[in-house]
Amino acid sequence: MANDFKNGVLWFTKGTANIQVNFPEDKVMCQYCPFCRSENDLKRFWCRLTNSMIYNPFIPELPENCPVEFTGEIIGTPPEKAKGAK
């Protein structure tokens, strides 16, 4: 592969990916995202979607640069709906 671009890369072909990320029971934070990785040796967390460092994956919100968008869809039955509450 190193020999494929002896003169450098002149252009790229762009592709996109539509992925589904499920957060457990409204706990929407990097900690529960499957794309959040811990680098134990360096004591830091890294987002595999944005290739950026996550300073605190335990706060109950996602960083501004997070590409995950929400549709409002729920998978499973929340407890208040399972009991018949309206």
PDB file of N, CA and C in Angstrom:
ATOM      1  N   MET A   1       0.821  -1.196   0.000  1.00  0.00           N
ATOM      2  CA  MET A   1       0.000   0.000   0.000  1.00  0.00           C
ATOM      3  C   MET A   1       0.863   1.257   0.000  1.00  0.00           C
ATOM      4  N   ALA A   2       1.997   1.220   0.672  1.00  0.00           N
ATOM      5  CA  ALA A   2       2.870   2.387   0.705  1.00  0.00           C
ATOM      6  C   ALA A   2       3.336   2.766  -0.689  1.00  0.00           C
ATOM      7  N   ASN A   3       3.487   1.798  -1.569  1.00  0.00           N
ATOM      8  CA  ASN A   3       3.930   2.064  -2.936  1.00  0.00           C
ATOM      9  C   ASN A   3       2.804   2.529  -3.844  1.00  0.00           C
ATOM     10  N   ASP A   4       1.558   2.424  -3.393  1.00  0.00           N
ATOM     11  CA  ASP A   4       0.421   2.829  -4.213  1.00  0.00           C
ATOM     12  C   ASP A   4       0.386   4.332  -4.462  1.00  0.00           C
ATOM     13  N   PHE A   5       0.927   5.126  -3.544  1.00  0.00           N
ATOM     14  CA  PHE A   5       0.828   6.589  -3.636  1.00  0.00           C
ATOM     15  C   PHE A   5       2.207   7.220  -3.504  1.00  0.00           C
ATOM     16  N   LYS A   6       3.097   6.889  -4.409  1.00  0.00           N
ATOM     17  CA  LYS A   6       4.473   7.386  -4.335  1.00  0.00           C
ATOM     18  C   LYS A   6       4.553   8.904  -4.403  1.00  0.00           C
ATOM     19  N   ASN A   7       3.617   9.522  -5.106  1.00  0.00           N
ATOM     20  CA  ASN A   7       3.606  10.981  -5.248  1.00  0.00           C
ATOM     21  C   ASN A   7       2.595  11.654  -4.323  1.00  0.00           C
ATOM     22  N   GLY A   8       2.079  10.914  -3.350  1.00  0.00           N
ATOM     23  CA  GLY A   8       1.068  11.456  -2.441  1.00  0.00           C
ATOM     24  C   GLY A   8      -0.328  11.210  -2.983  1.00  0.00           C
ATOM     25  N   VAL A   9      -1.308  11.513  -2.190  1.00  0.00           N
ATOM     26  CA  VAL A   9      -2.708  11.346  -2.570  1.00  0.00           C
ATOM     27  C   VAL A   9      -3.206  12.656  -3.154  1.00  0.00           C
ATOM     28  N   LEU A  10      -3.754  12.623  -4.342  1.00  0.00           N
ATOM     29  CA  LEU A  10      -4.237  13.822  -5.013  1.00  0.00           C
ATOM     30  C   LEU A  10      -5.721  14.067  -4.785  1.00  0.00           C
ATOM     31  N   TRP A  11      -6.496  13.016  -4.560  1.00  0.00           N
ATOM     32  CA  TRP A  11      -7.926  13.163  -4.341  1.00  0.00           C
ATOM     33  C   TRP A  11      -8.479  11.931  -3.627  1.00  0.00           C
ATOM     34  N   PHE A  12      -9.674  12.067  -3.083  1.00  0.00           N
ATOM     35  CA  PHE A  12     -10.337  10.998  -2.347  1.00  0.00           C
ATOM     36  C   PHE A  12     -11.723  10.754  -2.923  1.00  0.00           C
ATOM     37  N   THR A  13     -12.204   9.537  -2.804  1.00  0.00           N
ATOM     38  CA  THR A  13     -13.578   9.204  -3.118  1.00  0.00           C
ATOM     39  C   THR A  13     -14.315   9.136  -1.788  1.00  0.00           C
ATOM     40  N   LYS A  14     -15.322   9.986  -1.625  1.00  0.00           N
ATOM     41  CA  LYS A  14     -16.019  10.106  -0.345  1.00  0.00           C
ATOM     42  C   LYS A  14     -17.116   9.051  -0.215  1.00  0.00           C
ATOM     43  N   GLY A  15     -17.219   8.478   0.966  1.00  0.00           N
ATOM     44  CA  GLY A  15     -18.283   7.548   1.296  1.00  0.00           C
ATOM     45  C   GLY A  15     -18.847   7.914   2.657  1.00  0.00           C
ATOM     46  N   THR A  16     -20.056   7.527   2.938  1.00  0.00           N
ATOM     47  CA  THR A  16     -20.665   7.781   4.240  1.00  0.00           C
ATOM     48  C   THR A  16     -21.225   6.472   4.780  1.00  0.00           C
ATOM     49  N   ALA A  17     -21.431   6.437   6.084  1.00  0.00           N
ATOM     50  CA  ALA A  17     -21.989   5.254   6.725  1.00  0.00           C
ATOM     51  C   ALA A  17     -23.117   5.674   7.653  1.00  0.00           C
ATOM     52  N   ASN A  18     -24.226   4.974   7.594  1.00  0.00           N
ATOM     53  CA  ASN A  18     -25.350   5.212   8.480  1.00  0.00           C
ATOM     54  C   ASN A  18     -25.357   4.063   9.478  1.00  0.00           C
ATOM     55  N   ILE A  19     -25.086   4.373  10.740  1.00  0.00           N
ATOM     56  CA  ILE A  19     -24.994   3.340  11.766  1.00  0.00           C
ATOM     57  C   ILE A  19     -26.052   3.573  12.841  1.00  0.00           C
ATOM     58  N   GLN A  20     -26.363   2.553  13.578  1.00  0.00           N
ATOM     59  CA  GLN A  20     -27.304   2.667  14.692  1.00  0.00           C
ATOM     60  C   GLN A  20     -26.536   2.527  15.991  1.00  0.00           C
ATOM     61  N   VAL A  21     -26.762   3.451  16.913  1.00  0.00           N
ATOM     62  CA  VAL A  21     -26.136   3.394  18.231  1.00  0.00           C
ATOM     63  C   VAL A  21     -27.255   3.388  19.254  1.00  0.00           C
ATOM     64  N   ASN A  22     -27.295   2.360  20.103  1.00  0.00           N
ATOM     65  CA  ASN A  22     -28.335   2.230  21.118  1.00  0.00           C
ATOM     66  C   ASN A  22     -27.754   2.535  22.494  1.00  0.00           C
ATOM     67  N   PHE A  23     -28.365   3.493  23.188  1.00  0.00           N
ATOM     68  CA  PHE A  23     -27.949   3.846  24.543  1.00  0.00           C
ATOM     69  C   PHE A  23     -28.943   3.234  25.526  1.00  0.00           C
ATOM     70  N   PRO A  24     -28.471   2.623  26.614  1.00  0.00           N
ATOM     71  CA  PRO A  24     -29.379   1.938  27.543  1.00  0.00           C
ATOM     72  C   PRO A  24     -30.190   2.909  28.398  1.00  0.00           C
ATOM     73  N   GLU A  25     -31.504   2.757  28.365  1.00  0.00           N
ATOM     74  CA  GLU A  25     -32.430   3.444  29.281  1.00  0.00           C
ATOM     75  C   GLU A  25     -32.167   4.944  29.428  1.00  0.00           C
ATOM     76  N   ASP A  26     -32.076   5.640  28.311  1.00  0.00           N
ATOM     77  CA  ASP A  26     -31.873   7.104  28.267  1.00  0.00           C
ATOM     78  C   ASP A  26     -30.545   7.563  28.860  1.00  0.00           C
ATOM     79  N   LYS A  27     -29.614   6.692  29.036  1.00  0.00           N
ATOM     80  CA  LYS A  27     -28.278   7.073  29.525  1.00  0.00           C
ATOM     81  C   LYS A  27     -27.433   7.425  28.299  1.00  0.00           C
ATOM     82  N   VAL A  28     -27.689   8.624  27.775  1.00  0.00           N
ATOM     83  CA  VAL A  28     -27.029   9.087  26.557  1.00  0.00           C
ATOM     84  C   VAL A  28     -25.734   9.795  26.945  1.00  0.00           C
ATOM     85  N   MET A  29     -24.656   9.031  26.926  1.00  0.00           N
ATOM     86  CA  MET A  29     -23.335   9.575  27.229  1.00  0.00           C
ATOM     87  C   MET A  29     -22.299   8.696  26.553  1.00  0.00           C
ATOM     88  N   CYS A  30     -21.142   9.266  26.306  1.00  0.00           N
ATOM     89  CA  CYS A  30     -20.077   8.551  25.601  1.00  0.00           C
ATOM     90  C   CYS A  30     -19.736   7.229  26.270  1.00  0.00           C
ATOM     91  N   GLN A  31     -19.823   7.185  27.562  1.00  0.00           N
ATOM     92  CA  GLN A  31     -19.486   5.981  28.321  1.00  0.00           C
ATOM     93  C   GLN A  31     -20.189   4.742  27.766  1.00  0.00           C
ATOM     94  N   TYR A  32     -21.428   4.897  27.304  1.00  0.00           N
ATOM     95  CA  TYR A  32     -22.215   3.759  26.833  1.00  0.00           C
ATOM     96  C   TYR A  32     -22.206   3.597  25.316  1.00  0.00           C
ATOM     97  N   CYS A  33     -21.467   4.427  24.624  1.00  0.00           N
ATOM     98  CA  CYS A  33     -21.390   4.335  23.167  1.00  0.00           C
ATOM     99  C   CYS A  33     -20.361   3.271  22.782  1.00  0.00           C
ATOM    100  N   PRO A  34     -20.703   2.380  21.858  1.00  0.00           N
ATOM    101  CA  PRO A  34     -19.748   1.345  21.465  1.00  0.00           C
ATOM    102  C   PRO A  34     -18.535   1.890  20.709  1.00  0.00           C
ATOM    103  N   PHE A  35     -18.590   3.166  20.315  1.00  0.00           N
ATOM    104  CA  PHE A  35     -17.468   3.770  19.603  1.00  0.00           C
ATOM    105  C   PHE A  35     -16.549   4.563  20.522  1.00  0.00           C
ATOM    106  N   CYS A  36     -16.830   4.557  21.809  1.00  0.00           N
ATOM    107  CA  CYS A  36     -15.964   5.196  22.804  1.00  0.00           C
ATOM    108  C   CYS A  36     -14.971   4.144  23.286  1.00  0.00           C
ATOM    109  N   ARG A  37     -13.694   4.443  23.133  1.00  0.00           N
ATOM    110  CA  ARG A  37     -12.658   3.493  23.522  1.00  0.00           C
ATOM    111  C   ARG A  37     -11.747   4.084  24.588  1.00  0.00           C
ATOM    112  N   SER A  38     -11.403   3.252  25.534  1.00  0.00           N
ATOM    113  CA  SER A  38     -10.486   3.647  26.595  1.00  0.00           C
ATOM    114  C   SER A  38      -9.070   3.276  26.196  1.00  0.00           C
ATOM    115  N   GLU A  39      -8.173   4.222  26.351  1.00  0.00           N
ATOM    116  CA  GLU A  39      -6.750   3.952  26.150  1.00  0.00           C
ATOM    117  C   GLU A  39      -6.119   3.967  27.531  1.00  0.00           C
ATOM    118  N   ASN A  40      -6.104   2.801  28.155  1.00  0.00           N
ATOM    119  CA  ASN A  40      -5.686   2.682  29.552  1.00  0.00           C
ATOM    120  C   ASN A  40      -4.265   3.180  29.796  1.00  0.00           C
ATOM    121  N   ASP A  41      -3.358   2.892  28.889  1.00  0.00           N
ATOM    122  CA  ASP A  41      -1.967   3.306  29.085  1.00  0.00           C
ATOM    123  C   ASP A  41      -1.839   4.828  29.203  1.00  0.00           C
ATOM    124  N   LEU A  42      -2.669   5.541  28.454  1.00  0.00           N
ATOM    125  CA  LEU A  42      -2.602   7.008  28.458  1.00  0.00           C
ATOM    126  C   LEU A  42      -3.675   7.639  29.341  1.00  0.00           C
ATOM    127  N   LYS A  43      -4.528   6.808  29.932  1.00  0.00           N
ATOM    128  CA  LYS A  43      -5.626   7.271  30.799  1.00  0.00           C
ATOM    129  C   LYS A  43      -6.513   8.305  30.097  1.00  0.00           C
ATOM    130  N   ARG A  44      -6.967   7.941  28.900  1.00  0.00           N
ATOM    131  CA  ARG A  44      -7.856   8.825  28.157  1.00  0.00           C
ATOM    132  C   ARG A  44      -8.853   7.996  27.369  1.00  0.00           C
ATOM    133  N   PHE A  45      -9.890   8.671  26.871  1.00  0.00           N
ATOM    134  CA  PHE A  45     -10.917   8.031  26.062  1.00  0.00           C
ATOM    135  C   PHE A  45     -10.896   8.655  24.676  1.00  0.00           C
ATOM    136  N   TRP A  46     -11.249   7.859  23.691  1.00  0.00           N
ATOM    137  CA  TRP A  46     -11.165   8.304  22.318  1.00  0.00           C
ATOM    138  C   TRP A  46     -12.422   7.898  21.561  1.00  0.00           C
ATOM    139  N   CYS A  47     -12.966   8.809  20.747  1.00  0.00           N
ATOM    140  CA  CYS A  47     -14.137   8.510  19.926  1.00  0.00           C
ATOM    141  C   CYS A  47     -13.668   7.952  18.593  1.00  0.00           C
ATOM    142  N   ARG A  48     -14.143   6.762  18.261  1.00  0.00           N
ATOM    143  CA  ARG A  48     -13.758   6.130  17.000  1.00  0.00           C
ATOM    144  C   ARG A  48     -14.551   6.691  15.818  1.00  0.00           C
ATOM    145  N   LEU A  49     -15.617   7.423  16.071  1.00  0.00           N
ATOM    146  CA  LEU A  49     -16.381   8.032  14.981  1.00  0.00           C
ATOM    147  C   LEU A  49     -15.774   9.353  14.525  1.00  0.00           C
ATOM    148  N   THR A  50     -15.320  10.151  15.471  1.00  0.00           N
ATOM    149  CA  THR A  50     -14.786  11.477  15.135  1.00  0.00           C
ATOM    150  C   THR A  50     -13.267  11.533  15.200  1.00  0.00           C
ATOM    151  N   ASN A  51     -12.657  10.467  15.688  1.00  0.00           N
ATOM    152  CA  ASN A  51     -11.203  10.424  15.894  1.00  0.00           C
ATOM    153  C   ASN A  51     -10.743  11.583  16.781  1.00  0.00           C
ATOM    154  N   SER A  52     -11.487  11.812  17.854  1.00  0.00           N
ATOM    155  CA  SER A  52     -11.132  12.886  18.786  1.00  0.00           C
ATOM    156  C   SER A  52     -11.145  12.372  20.224  1.00  0.00           C
ATOM    157  N   MET A  53     -10.390  13.070  21.061  1.00  0.00           N
ATOM    158  CA  MET A  53     -10.316  12.698  22.470  1.00  0.00           C
ATOM    159  C   MET A  53     -11.616  13.101  23.174  1.00  0.00           C
ATOM    160  N   ILE A  54     -12.053  12.260  24.105  1.00  0.00           N
ATOM    161  CA  ILE A  54     -13.233  12.546  24.920  1.00  0.00           C
ATOM    162  C   ILE A  54     -12.718  12.856  26.318  1.00  0.00           C
ATOM    163  N   TYR A  55     -12.935  14.068  26.751  1.00  0.00           N
ATOM    164  CA  TYR A  55     -12.361  14.493  28.027  1.00  0.00           C
ATOM    165  C   TYR A  55     -13.084  13.909  29.231  1.00  0.00           C
ATOM    166  N   ASN A  56     -14.405  13.755  29.129  1.00  0.00           N
ATOM    167  CA  ASN A  56     -15.150  13.147  30.228  1.00  0.00           C
ATOM    168  C   ASN A  56     -16.318  12.345  29.657  1.00  0.00           C
ATOM    169  N   PRO A  57     -16.146  11.027  29.488  1.00  0.00           N
ATOM    170  CA  PRO A  57     -17.205  10.217  28.900  1.00  0.00           C
ATOM    171  C   PRO A  57     -18.353   9.909  29.857  1.00  0.00           C
ATOM    172  N   PHE A  58     -18.249  10.370  31.094  1.00  0.00           N
ATOM    173  CA  PHE A  58     -19.234  10.019  32.122  1.00  0.00           C
ATOM    174  C   PHE A  58     -20.288  11.100  32.359  1.00  0.00           C
ATOM    175  N   ILE A  59     -20.215  12.243  31.673  1.00  0.00           N
ATOM    176  CA  ILE A  59     -21.234  13.280  31.850  1.00  0.00           C
ATOM    177  C   ILE A  59     -22.464  12.921  31.007  1.00  0.00           C
ATOM    178  N   PRO A  60     -23.664  13.260  31.476  1.00  0.00           N
ATOM    179  CA  PRO A  60     -24.897  12.830  30.796  1.00  0.00           C
ATOM    180  C   PRO A  60     -25.257  13.679  29.574  1.00  0.00           C
ATOM    181  N   GLU A  61     -24.349  13.774  28.641  1.00  0.00           N
ATOM    182  CA  GLU A  61     -24.605  14.447  27.368  1.00  0.00           C
ATOM    183  C   GLU A  61     -23.504  14.028  26.408  1.00  0.00           C
ATOM    184  N   LEU A  62     -23.712  14.329  25.145  1.00  0.00           N
ATOM    185  CA  LEU A  62     -22.704  14.002  24.144  1.00  0.00           C
ATOM    186  C   LEU A  62     -21.983  15.286  23.728  1.00  0.00           C
ATOM    187  N   PRO A  63     -20.732  15.194  23.306  1.00  0.00           N
ATOM    188  CA  PRO A  63     -20.007  16.389  22.882  1.00  0.00           C
ATOM    189  C   PRO A  63     -20.609  17.010  21.624  1.00  0.00           C
ATOM    190  N   GLU A  64     -20.322  18.274  21.402  1.00  0.00           N
ATOM    191  CA  GLU A  64     -20.880  18.999  20.253  1.00  0.00           C
ATOM    192  C   GLU A  64     -20.534  18.349  18.920  1.00  0.00           C
ATOM    193  N   ASN A  65     -19.356  17.765  18.821  1.00  0.00           N
ATOM    194  CA  ASN A  65     -18.936  17.193  17.541  1.00  0.00           C
ATOM    195  C   ASN A  65     -19.411  15.756  17.332  1.00  0.00           C
ATOM    196  N   CYS A  66     -20.256  15.251  18.214  1.00  0.00           N
ATOM    197  CA  CYS A  66     -20.761  13.881  18.084  1.00  0.00           C
ATOM    198  C   CYS A  66     -21.709  13.792  16.881  1.00  0.00           C
ATOM    199  N   PRO A  67     -21.480  12.844  15.969  1.00  0.00           N
ATOM    200  CA  PRO A  67     -22.335  12.728  14.790  1.00  0.00           C
ATOM    201  C   PRO A  67     -23.625  11.936  15.015  1.00  0.00           C
ATOM    202  N   VAL A  68     -23.831  11.389  16.214  1.00  0.00           N
ATOM    203  CA  VAL A  68     -25.031  10.593  16.482  1.00  0.00           C
ATOM    204  C   VAL A  68     -26.245  11.515  16.539  1.00  0.00           C
ATOM    205  N   GLU A  69     -27.263  11.175  15.762  1.00  0.00           N
ATOM    206  CA  GLU A  69     -28.527  11.914  15.750  1.00  0.00           C
ATOM    207  C   GLU A  69     -29.620  10.991  16.261  1.00  0.00           C
ATOM    208  N   PHE A  70     -30.623  11.567  16.921  1.00  0.00           N
ATOM    209  CA  PHE A  70     -31.678  10.766  17.538  1.00  0.00           C
ATOM    210  C   PHE A  70     -32.998  10.934  16.799  1.00  0.00           C
ATOM    211  N   THR A  71     -33.704   9.817  16.641  1.00  0.00           N
ATOM    212  CA  THR A  71     -34.983   9.811  15.934  1.00  0.00           C
ATOM    213  C   THR A  71     -36.170   9.810  16.886  1.00  0.00           C
ATOM    214  N   GLY A  72     -35.924   9.550  18.159  1.00  0.00           N
ATOM    215  CA  GLY A  72     -37.001   9.435  19.127  1.00  0.00           C
ATOM    216  C   GLY A  72     -37.506   8.007  19.262  1.00  0.00           C
ATOM    217  N   GLU A  73     -36.988   7.122  18.447  1.00  0.00           N
ATOM    218  CA  GLU A  73     -37.401   5.716  18.504  1.00  0.00           C
ATOM    219  C   GLU A  73     -36.864   5.054  19.764  1.00  0.00           C
ATOM    220  N   ILE A  74     -37.708   4.246  20.395  1.00  0.00           N
ATOM    221  CA  ILE A  74     -37.339   3.470  21.583  1.00  0.00           C
ATOM    222  C   ILE A  74     -37.376   1.997  21.204  1.00  0.00           C
ATOM    223  N   ILE A  75     -36.350   1.255  21.604  1.00  0.00           N
ATOM    224  CA  ILE A  75     -36.315  -0.189  21.371  1.00  0.00           C
ATOM    225  C   ILE A  75     -36.572  -0.857  22.719  1.00  0.00           C
ATOM    226  N   GLY A  76     -37.599  -1.673  22.799  1.00  0.00           N
ATOM    227  CA  GLY A  76     -37.987  -2.275  24.071  1.00  0.00           C
ATOM    228  C   GLY A  76     -39.132  -1.478  24.689  1.00  0.00           C
ATOM    229  N   THR A  77     -39.474  -1.778  25.919  1.00  0.00           N
ATOM    230  CA  THR A  77     -40.585  -1.119  26.602  1.00  0.00           C
ATOM    231  C   THR A  77     -40.099  -0.476  27.892  1.00  0.00           C
ATOM    232  N   PRO A  78     -40.150   0.872  27.974  1.00  0.00           N
ATOM    233  CA  PRO A  78     -39.778   1.534  29.227  1.00  0.00           C
ATOM    234  C   PRO A  78     -40.710   1.093  30.354  1.00  0.00           C
ATOM    235  N   PRO A  79     -40.233   1.064  31.608  1.00  0.00           N
ATOM    236  CA  PRO A  79     -41.038   0.566  32.736  1.00  0.00           C
ATOM    237  C   PRO A  79     -42.388   1.260  32.890  1.00  0.00           C
ATOM    238  N   GLU A  80     -42.462   2.583  32.685  1.00  0.00           N
ATOM    239  CA  GLU A  80     -43.751   3.279  32.885  1.00  0.00           C
ATOM    240  C   GLU A  80     -44.785   2.846  31.851  1.00  0.00           C
ATOM    241  N   LYS A  81     -44.356   2.476  30.663  1.00  0.00           N
ATOM    242  CA  LYS A  81     -45.296   2.012  29.651  1.00  0.00           C
ATOM    243  C   LYS A  81     -45.667   0.546  29.882  1.00  0.00           C
ATOM    244  N   ALA A  82     -44.755  -0.219  30.431  1.00  0.00           N
ATOM    245  CA  ALA A  82     -45.020  -1.650  30.687  1.00  0.00           C
ATOM    246  C   ALA A  82     -46.082  -1.825  31.773  1.00  0.00           C
ATOM    247  N   LYS A  83     -46.152  -0.885  32.718  1.00  0.00           N
ATOM    248  CA  LYS A  83     -47.116  -0.976  33.820  1.00  0.00           C
ATOM    249  C   LYS A  83     -48.486  -0.459  33.423  1.00  0.00           C
ATOM    250  N   GLY A  84     -48.607   0.106  32.227  1.00  0.00           N
ATOM    251  CA  GLY A  84     -49.911   0.603  31.777  1.00  0.00           C
ATOM    252  C   GLY A  84     -50.148   2.051  32.152  1.00  0.00           C
ATOM    253  N   ALA A  85     -49.169   2.755  32.666  1.00  0.00           N
ATOM    254  CA  ALA A  85     -49.324   4.177  33.008  1.00  0.00           C
ATOM    255  C   ALA A  85     -49.508   4.997  31.747  1.00  0.00           C
ATOM    256  N   LYS A  86     -50.273   6.058  31.854  1.00  0.00           N
ATOM    257  CA  LYS A  86     -50.496   6.938  30.691  1.00  0.00           C
ATOM    258  C   LYS A  86     -49.880   8.283  30.911  1.00  0.00           C
TER     259      LYS A  86
END
